[in-house]
Amino acid sequence: MLLAVTGLAREARILTRPQLDVAIGGGNSVTLQAQIERAIDSGARRIISMGVCGALSPALSVGDCIVATQVVTDSESFDSHPGWSKELLERLPLAQPAVLAGTDGILASPDDKLSLRERTGAAVADMESHVAARIARERRLAFAAVRVVSDDAHHALPQAALVAMSANGGIDVFAVTRSLIANPRQIPALLRTAWDAEKAFAVLFRCRHVLDPLPAAVDFGELSLDMG
């Protein structure tokens, strides 16, 4: 069985298909880890982190798609399965290989993104891939990641966007409303954030076919040193 790891419930809805299990982080790495572990115990044997991400590299734009060659944090690095990643790149002609950084918090400002890029050398970042990659290595399972940029390296997220995600990966409408009432001036920035997210979700929808059976025979059993 294939397990898809996402941060948002909407990502999960886009990716849902038969023979696929989904773990939704909702911004909580502890909860996400428990979900992944349960899925593995129930038979998941491959893990793909798939959804939207933030760009760290100014060369990337909203809607750009990457296939991770490696997932890094400030203290760890995890290689993606090379054969599987190659297949994904072949099936996503517009995607590009890139290093992906894992973070436990939202990167709200361009300075935050620049700092993480300088520390890790990564081109994009998300809050789920490092959790999934770590467990995949511990369990000796194949891991890959496909992510679509939803905010570029120069974009500062408004406070309403920072409080928008609920624990189940949905949108906390009340938190967003409270934030907008407290500071209505952030409405234009929030609208831009929402517009960019819609563009990224549309690209993610077009990428979901990679969750169907791969066209070539990828040996997911030969993890050896490829998995670190």
C-alpha atoms as a PDB file:
ATOM      1  CA  MET A   1       0.000   0.000   0.000  1.00  0.00           C
ATOM      2  CA  LEU A   2       1.080   3.556  -0.723  1.00  0.00           C
ATOM      3  CA  LEU A   3       0.887   6.241   1.971  1.00  0.00           C
ATOM      4  CA  ALA A   4       0.585   9.905   0.972  1.00  0.00           C
ATOM      5  CA  VAL A   5       1.659  12.415   3.622  1.00  0.00           C
ATOM      6  CA  THR A   6       0.070  15.872   3.457  1.00  0.00           C
ATOM      7  CA  GLY A   7      -0.367  18.888   5.687  1.00  0.00           C
ATOM      8  CA  LEU A   8      -3.862  19.930   4.662  1.00  0.00           C
ATOM      9  CA  ALA A   9      -7.176  18.141   4.365  1.00  0.00           C
ATOM     10  CA  ARG A  10      -7.688  19.737   0.956  1.00  0.00           C
ATOM     11  CA  GLU A  11      -4.465  18.174  -0.303  1.00  0.00           C
ATOM     12  CA  ALA A  12      -5.691  14.810   0.941  1.00  0.00           C
ATOM     13  CA  ARG A  13      -8.999  15.221  -0.905  1.00  0.00           C
ATOM     14  CA  ILE A  14      -7.159  15.999  -4.137  1.00  0.00           C
ATOM     15  CA  LEU A  15      -4.958  12.921  -3.803  1.00  0.00           C
ATOM     16  CA  THR A  16      -7.511  10.375  -2.537  1.00  0.00           C
ATOM     17  CA  ARG A  17      -7.860   7.241  -4.662  1.00  0.00           C
ATOM     18  CA  PRO A  18      -8.230   3.468  -4.132  1.00  0.00           C
ATOM     19  CA  GLN A  19      -5.332   1.633  -2.504  1.00  0.00           C
ATOM     20  CA  LEU A  20      -3.995   4.856  -0.996  1.00  0.00           C
ATOM     21  CA  ASP A  21      -3.754   5.751   2.660  1.00  0.00           C
ATOM     22  CA  VAL A  22      -3.352   9.405   3.662  1.00  0.00           C
ATOM     23  CA  ALA A  23      -1.804  11.019   6.745  1.00  0.00           C
ATOM     24  CA  ILE A  24      -2.675  14.685   7.387  1.00  0.00           C
ATOM     25  CA  GLY A  25      -0.261  16.656   9.558  1.00  0.00           C
ATOM     26  CA  GLY A  26      -2.296  19.738  10.377  1.00  0.00           C
ATOM     27  CA  GLY A  27       0.900  21.461  11.475  1.00  0.00           C
ATOM     28  CA  ASN A  28       1.595  18.982  14.294  1.00  0.00           C
ATOM     29  CA  SER A  29       4.608  16.722  13.775  1.00  0.00           C
ATOM     30  CA  VAL A  30       3.758  14.485  16.754  1.00  0.00           C
ATOM     31  CA  THR A  31       0.270  13.776  15.442  1.00  0.00           C
ATOM     32  CA  LEU A  32       1.624  13.234  11.943  1.00  0.00           C
ATOM     33  CA  GLN A  33       4.220  10.761  13.167  1.00  0.00           C
ATOM     34  CA  ALA A  34       1.541   8.734  14.951  1.00  0.00           C
ATOM     35  CA  GLN A  35      -0.586   8.641  11.794  1.00  0.00           C
ATOM     36  CA  ILE A  36       2.336   7.485   9.670  1.00  0.00           C
ATOM     37  CA  GLU A  37       3.269   4.774  12.153  1.00  0.00           C
ATOM     38  CA  ARG A  38      -0.329   3.497  12.201  1.00  0.00           C
ATOM     39  CA  ALA A  39      -0.443   3.403   8.409  1.00  0.00           C
ATOM     40  CA  ILE A  40       2.783   1.402   8.270  1.00  0.00           C
ATOM     41  CA  ASP A  41       1.480  -1.021  10.864  1.00  0.00           C
ATOM     42  CA  SER A  42      -1.614  -1.415   8.659  1.00  0.00           C
ATOM     43  CA  GLY A  43       0.445  -2.305   5.597  1.00  0.00           C
ATOM     44  CA  ALA A  44       1.857   0.852   4.003  1.00  0.00           C
ATOM     45  CA  ARG A  45       5.155   0.028   2.290  1.00  0.00           C
ATOM     46  CA  ARG A  46       5.917   3.216   0.353  1.00  0.00           C
ATOM     47  CA  ILE A  47       5.651   6.810   1.555  1.00  0.00           C
ATOM     48  CA  ILE A  48       5.254   9.882  -0.620  1.00  0.00           C
ATOM     49  CA  SER A  49       5.061  13.390   0.793  1.00  0.00           C
ATOM     50  CA  MET A  50       2.820  15.342  -1.564  1.00  0.00           C
ATOM     51  CA  GLY A  51       1.189  18.744  -1.376  1.00  0.00           C
ATOM     52  CA  VAL A  52       2.093  22.420  -1.440  1.00  0.00           C
ATOM     53  CA  CYS A  53       5.244  24.063  -0.127  1.00  0.00           C
ATOM     54  CA  GLY A  54       6.971  27.403   0.288  1.00  0.00           C
ATOM     55  CA  ALA A  55       9.817  28.469  -1.975  1.00  0.00           C
ATOM     56  CA  LEU A  56      13.168  29.303  -0.438  1.00  0.00           C
ATOM     57  CA  SER A  57      14.882  29.913  -3.767  1.00  0.00           C
ATOM     58  CA  PRO A  58      13.958  33.165  -5.551  1.00  0.00           C
ATOM     59  CA  ALA A  59      14.234  31.238  -8.827  1.00  0.00           C
ATOM     60  CA  LEU A  60      10.999  29.373  -8.067  1.00  0.00           C
ATOM     61  CA  SER A  61       7.523  30.766  -8.710  1.00  0.00           C
ATOM     62  CA  VAL A  62       4.051  29.898  -7.481  1.00  0.00           C
ATOM     63  CA  GLY A  63       2.884  26.765  -9.289  1.00  0.00           C
ATOM     64  CA  ASP A  64       6.357  25.334  -9.864  1.00  0.00           C
ATOM     65  CA  CYS A  65       6.606  21.632  -9.055  1.00  0.00           C
ATOM     66  CA  ILE A  66       9.599  19.868  -7.510  1.00  0.00           C
ATOM     67  CA  VAL A  67      10.580  16.274  -6.880  1.00  0.00           C
ATOM     68  CA  ALA A  68      12.801  16.099  -3.828  1.00  0.00           C
ATOM     69  CA  THR A  69      16.242  14.571  -4.228  1.00  0.00           C
ATOM     70  CA  GLN A  70      16.876  14.994  -0.524  1.00  0.00           C
ATOM     71  CA  VAL A  71      15.071  16.221   2.580  1.00  0.00           C
ATOM     72  CA  VAL A  72      17.141  18.220   5.060  1.00  0.00           C
ATOM     73  CA  THR A  73      16.768  19.908   8.419  1.00  0.00           C
ATOM     74  CA  ASP A  74      19.273  21.893  10.457  1.00  0.00           C
ATOM     75  CA  SER A  75      20.671  18.629  11.827  1.00  0.00           C
ATOM     76  CA  GLU A  76      19.605  15.775   9.520  1.00  0.00           C
ATOM     77  CA  SER A  77      19.424  14.755   5.879  1.00  0.00           C
ATOM     78  CA  PHE A  78      17.403  12.018   4.190  1.00  0.00           C
ATOM     79  CA  ASP A  79      17.823  10.834   0.616  1.00  0.00           C
ATOM     80  CA  SER A  80      14.768  10.135  -1.504  1.00  0.00           C
ATOM     81  CA  HIS A  81      14.543   6.771  -3.240  1.00  0.00           C
ATOM     82  CA  PRO A  82      16.544   7.445  -6.453  1.00  0.00           C
ATOM     83  CA  GLY A  83      14.646   5.071  -8.739  1.00  0.00           C
ATOM     84  CA  TRP A  84      11.238   6.252  -7.611  1.00  0.00           C
ATOM     85  CA  SER A  85      12.260   9.919  -7.827  1.00  0.00           C
ATOM     86  CA  LYS A  86      13.505   9.347 -11.374  1.00  0.00           C
ATOM     87  CA  GLU A  87      10.151   7.818 -12.323  1.00  0.00           C
ATOM     88  CA  LEU A  88       8.321  10.774 -10.804  1.00  0.00           C
ATOM     89  CA  LEU A  89      10.399  13.262 -12.774  1.00  0.00           C
ATOM     90  CA  GLU A  90       9.733  11.323 -15.973  1.00  0.00           C
ATOM     91  CA  ARG A  91       5.991  11.403 -15.306  1.00  0.00           C
ATOM     92  CA  LEU A  92       6.036  15.091 -14.385  1.00  0.00           C
ATOM     93  CA  PRO A  93       7.866  16.757 -17.293  1.00  0.00           C
ATOM     94  CA  LEU A  94       7.537  20.249 -15.819  1.00  0.00           C
ATOM     95  CA  ALA A  95       8.867  19.228 -12.413  1.00  0.00           C
ATOM     96  CA  GLN A  96      12.449  19.824 -11.382  1.00  0.00           C
ATOM     97  CA  PRO A  97      14.675  18.028  -8.878  1.00  0.00           C
ATOM     98  CA  ALA A  98      15.388  20.003  -5.722  1.00  0.00           C
ATOM     99  CA  VAL A  99      16.482  19.747  -2.116  1.00  0.00           C
ATOM    100  CA  LEU A 100      13.550  20.150   0.284  1.00  0.00           C
ATOM    101  CA  ALA A 101      13.892  21.502   3.815  1.00  0.00           C
ATOM    102  CA  GLY A 102      11.710  20.304   6.653  1.00  0.00           C
ATOM    103  CA  THR A 103      10.556  22.761   9.302  1.00  0.00           C
ATOM    104  CA  ASP A 104       8.314  22.437  12.335  1.00  0.00           C
ATOM    105  CA  GLY A 105       6.839  25.918  11.928  1.00  0.00           C
ATOM    106  CA  ILE A 106       5.440  28.116   9.179  1.00  0.00           C
ATOM    107  CA  LEU A 107       7.985  30.383   7.503  1.00  0.00           C
ATOM    108  CA  ALA A 108       6.135  33.672   7.658  1.00  0.00           C
ATOM    109  CA  SER A 109       8.623  36.167   6.242  1.00  0.00           C
ATOM    110  CA  PRO A 110      11.167  36.393   3.418  1.00  0.00           C
ATOM    111  CA  ASP A 111      13.872  36.655   6.082  1.00  0.00           C
ATOM    112  CA  ASP A 112      12.756  33.348   7.606  1.00  0.00           C
ATOM    113  CA  LYS A 113      12.938  31.698   4.188  1.00  0.00           C
ATOM    114  CA  LEU A 114      16.330  33.198   3.385  1.00  0.00           C
ATOM    115  CA  SER A 115      17.723  32.059   6.727  1.00  0.00           C
ATOM    116  CA  LEU A 116      16.593  28.463   6.185  1.00  0.00           C
ATOM    117  CA  ARG A 117      17.951  28.473   2.654  1.00  0.00           C
ATOM    118  CA  GLU A 118      21.339  29.723   3.823  1.00  0.00           C
ATOM    119  CA  ARG A 119      21.489  27.087   6.572  1.00  0.00           C
ATOM    120  CA  THR A 120      20.378  24.119   4.474  1.00  0.00           C
ATOM    121  CA  GLY A 121      20.877  24.961   0.809  1.00  0.00           C
ATOM    122  CA  ALA A 122      17.303  23.852   0.134  1.00  0.00           C
ATOM    123  CA  ALA A 123      15.101  25.305  -2.602  1.00  0.00           C
ATOM    124  CA  VAL A 124      11.708  24.707  -0.933  1.00  0.00           C
ATOM    125  CA  ALA A 125      10.316  23.885   2.490  1.00  0.00           C
ATOM    126  CA  ASP A 126       7.330  22.173   4.072  1.00  0.00           C
ATOM    127  CA  MET A 127       6.269  20.899   7.498  1.00  0.00           C
ATOM    128  CA  GLU A 128       5.714  17.212   6.743  1.00  0.00           C
ATOM    129  CA  SER A 129       8.425  15.743   4.528  1.00  0.00           C
ATOM    130  CA  HIS A 130      11.150  15.521   7.166  1.00  0.00           C
ATOM    131  CA  VAL A 131       8.814  13.634   9.505  1.00  0.00           C
ATOM    132  CA  ALA A 132       7.869  11.174   6.758  1.00  0.00           C
ATOM    133  CA  ALA A 133      11.444  10.771   5.523  1.00  0.00           C
ATOM    134  CA  ARG A 134      12.769  10.079   9.016  1.00  0.00           C
ATOM    135  CA  ILE A 135      10.215   7.340   9.642  1.00  0.00           C
ATOM    136  CA  ALA A 136      10.777   5.859   6.190  1.00  0.00           C
ATOM    137  CA  ARG A 137      14.484   5.539   6.903  1.00  0.00           C
ATOM    138  CA  GLU A 138      13.858   4.025  10.332  1.00  0.00           C
ATOM    139  CA  ARG A 139      11.446   1.487   8.833  1.00  0.00           C
ATOM    140  CA  ARG A 140      13.566   0.967   5.695  1.00  0.00           C
ATOM    141  CA  LEU A 141      10.737   1.955   3.374  1.00  0.00           C
ATOM    142  CA  ALA A 142      10.949   3.793   0.055  1.00  0.00           C
ATOM    143  CA  PHE A 143      10.348   7.538   0.334  1.00  0.00           C
ATOM    144  CA  ALA A 144       9.734  10.256  -2.247  1.00  0.00           C
ATOM    145  CA  ALA A 145       8.311  13.773  -2.260  1.00  0.00           C
ATOM    146  CA  VAL A 146       6.428  15.866  -4.819  1.00  0.00           C
ATOM    147  CA  ARG A 147       5.603  19.422  -3.835  1.00  0.00           C
ATOM    148  CA  VAL A 148       4.087  22.471  -5.569  1.00  0.00           C
ATOM    149  CA  VAL A 149       5.093  26.023  -4.628  1.00  0.00           C
ATOM    150  CA  SER A 150       2.218  28.002  -3.103  1.00  0.00           C
ATOM    151  CA  ASP A 151       4.173  31.029  -1.884  1.00  0.00           C
ATOM    152  CA  ASP A 152       7.388  32.383  -3.313  1.00  0.00           C
ATOM    153  CA  ALA A 153      10.564  33.335  -1.489  1.00  0.00           C
ATOM    154  CA  HIS A 154       9.671  37.050  -1.391  1.00  0.00           C
ATOM    155  CA  HIS A 155       6.117  36.615  -0.085  1.00  0.00           C
ATOM    156  CA  ALA A 156       5.358  37.506   3.545  1.00  0.00           C
ATOM    157  CA  LEU A 157       2.369  35.610   4.888  1.00  0.00           C
ATOM    158  CA  PRO A 158      -0.240  37.675   6.759  1.00  0.00           C
ATOM    159  CA  GLN A 159      -1.141  36.784  10.335  1.00  0.00           C
ATOM    160  CA  ALA A 160      -4.554  35.468   9.233  1.00  0.00           C
ATOM    161  CA  ALA A 161      -2.810  32.855   7.086  1.00  0.00           C
ATOM    162  CA  LEU A 162      -0.570  31.815   9.968  1.00  0.00           C
ATOM    163  CA  VAL A 163      -3.552  30.950  12.178  1.00  0.00           C
ATOM    164  CA  ALA A 164      -5.698  29.460   9.409  1.00  0.00           C
ATOM    165  CA  MET A 165      -4.773  25.784   9.719  1.00  0.00           C
ATOM    166  CA  SER A 166      -6.733  23.691  12.202  1.00  0.00           C
ATOM    167  CA  ALA A 167      -5.443  20.543  13.889  1.00  0.00           C
ATOM    168  CA  ASN A 168      -7.194  18.301  11.356  1.00  0.00           C
ATOM    169  CA  GLY A 169      -5.669  20.113   8.392  1.00  0.00           C
ATOM    170  CA  GLY A 170      -8.788  22.135   7.632  1.00  0.00           C
ATOM    171  CA  ILE A 171      -9.349  25.883   7.778  1.00  0.00           C
ATOM    172  CA  ASP A 172     -10.106  27.468  11.141  1.00  0.00           C
ATOM    173  CA  VAL A 173     -12.624  30.044   9.921  1.00  0.00           C
ATOM    174  CA  PHE A 174     -13.107  31.570  13.364  1.00  0.00           C
ATOM    175  CA  ALA A 175      -9.373  32.127  13.859  1.00  0.00           C
ATOM    176  CA  VAL A 176      -9.079  33.756  10.444  1.00  0.00           C
ATOM    177  CA  THR A 177     -12.100  35.964  11.122  1.00  0.00           C
ATOM    178  CA  ARG A 178     -10.745  37.085  14.497  1.00  0.00           C
ATOM    179  CA  SER A 179      -7.421  37.960  12.902  1.00  0.00           C
ATOM    180  CA  LEU A 180      -9.089  39.992  10.136  1.00  0.00           C
ATOM    181  CA  ILE A 181     -11.274  41.870  12.624  1.00  0.00           C
ATOM    182  CA  ALA A 182      -8.193  42.736  14.660  1.00  0.00           C
ATOM    183  CA  ASN A 183      -6.305  43.901  11.571  1.00  0.00           C
ATOM    184  CA  PRO A 184      -8.402  44.474   8.424  1.00  0.00           C
ATOM    185  CA  ARG A 185      -5.380  45.875   6.594  1.00  0.00           C
ATOM    186  CA  GLN A 186      -4.106  42.354   6.003  1.00  0.00           C
ATOM    187  CA  ILE A 187      -7.057  41.493   3.755  1.00  0.00           C
ATOM    188  CA  PRO A 188      -5.223  42.255   0.457  1.00  0.00           C
ATOM    189  CA  ALA A 189      -2.269  40.092   1.524  1.00  0.00           C
ATOM    190  CA  LEU A 190      -4.614  37.290   2.547  1.00  0.00           C
ATOM    191  CA  LEU A 191      -6.410  37.463  -0.801  1.00  0.00           C
ATOM    192  CA  ARG A 192      -3.090  37.193  -2.607  1.00  0.00           C
ATOM    193  CA  THR A 193      -2.112  34.232  -0.430  1.00  0.00           C
ATOM    194  CA  ALA A 194      -5.411  32.517  -1.215  1.00  0.00           C
ATOM    195  CA  TRP A 195      -5.031  33.201  -4.945  1.00  0.00           C
ATOM    196  CA  ASP A 196      -1.519  31.741  -4.975  1.00  0.00           C
ATOM    197  CA  ALA A 197      -2.733  28.696  -3.058  1.00  0.00           C
ATOM    198  CA  GLU A 198      -5.481  28.101  -5.611  1.00  0.00           C
ATOM    199  CA  LYS A 199      -2.893  28.104  -8.385  1.00  0.00           C
ATOM    200  CA  ALA A 200      -0.773  25.599  -6.484  1.00  0.00           C
ATOM    201  CA  PHE A 201      -3.745  23.327  -5.759  1.00  0.00           C
ATOM    202  CA  ALA A 202      -4.632  23.316  -9.471  1.00  0.00           C
ATOM    203  CA  VAL A 203      -1.110  22.133 -10.314  1.00  0.00           C
ATOM    204  CA  LEU A 204      -1.252  19.533  -7.550  1.00  0.00           C
ATOM    205  CA  PHE A 205      -4.479  18.202  -9.062  1.00  0.00           C
ATOM    206  CA  ARG A 206      -2.709  17.765 -12.399  1.00  0.00           C
ATOM    207  CA  CYS A 207       0.145  15.928 -10.663  1.00  0.00           C
ATOM    208  CA  ARG A 208      -2.006  13.389  -8.824  1.00  0.00           C
ATOM    209  CA  HIS A 209      -1.679  10.791 -11.590  1.00  0.00           C
ATOM    210  CA  VAL A 210       1.772   9.910 -10.233  1.00  0.00           C
ATOM    211  CA  LEU A 211      -0.007   8.081  -7.397  1.00  0.00           C
ATOM    212  CA  ASP A 212      -1.336   5.548  -9.885  1.00  0.00           C
ATOM    213  CA  PRO A 213       0.820   2.503 -10.663  1.00  0.00           C
ATOM    214  CA  LEU A 214       4.207   3.477 -11.980  1.00  0.00           C
ATOM    215  CA  PRO A 215       4.831   2.566 -15.627  1.00  0.00           C
ATOM    216  CA  ALA A 216       8.261   1.085 -15.037  1.00  0.00           C
ATOM    217  CA  ALA A 217       9.443  -1.566 -12.608  1.00  0.00           C
ATOM    218  CA  VAL A 218      11.010   0.298  -9.741  1.00  0.00           C
ATOM    219  CA  ASP A 219      12.659  -1.964  -7.184  1.00  0.00           C
ATOM    220  CA  PHE A 220      11.445  -0.517  -3.882  1.00  0.00           C
ATOM    221  CA  GLY A 221      13.209  -3.256  -1.960  1.00  0.00           C
ATOM    222  CA  GLU A 222      16.740  -2.149  -2.773  1.00  0.00           C
ATOM    223  CA  LEU A 223      17.094   0.596  -0.202  1.00  0.00           C
ATOM    224  CA  SER A 224      20.671  -0.186   0.955  1.00  0.00           C
ATOM    225  CA  LEU A 225      22.756   2.956   1.194  1.00  0.00           C
ATOM    226  CA  ASP A 226      20.301   4.988  -0.878  1.00  0.00           C
ATOM    227  CA  MET A 227      18.240   5.581   2.238  1.00  0.00           C
ATOM    228  CA  GLY A 228      21.120   6.956   4.262  1.00  0.00           C
END
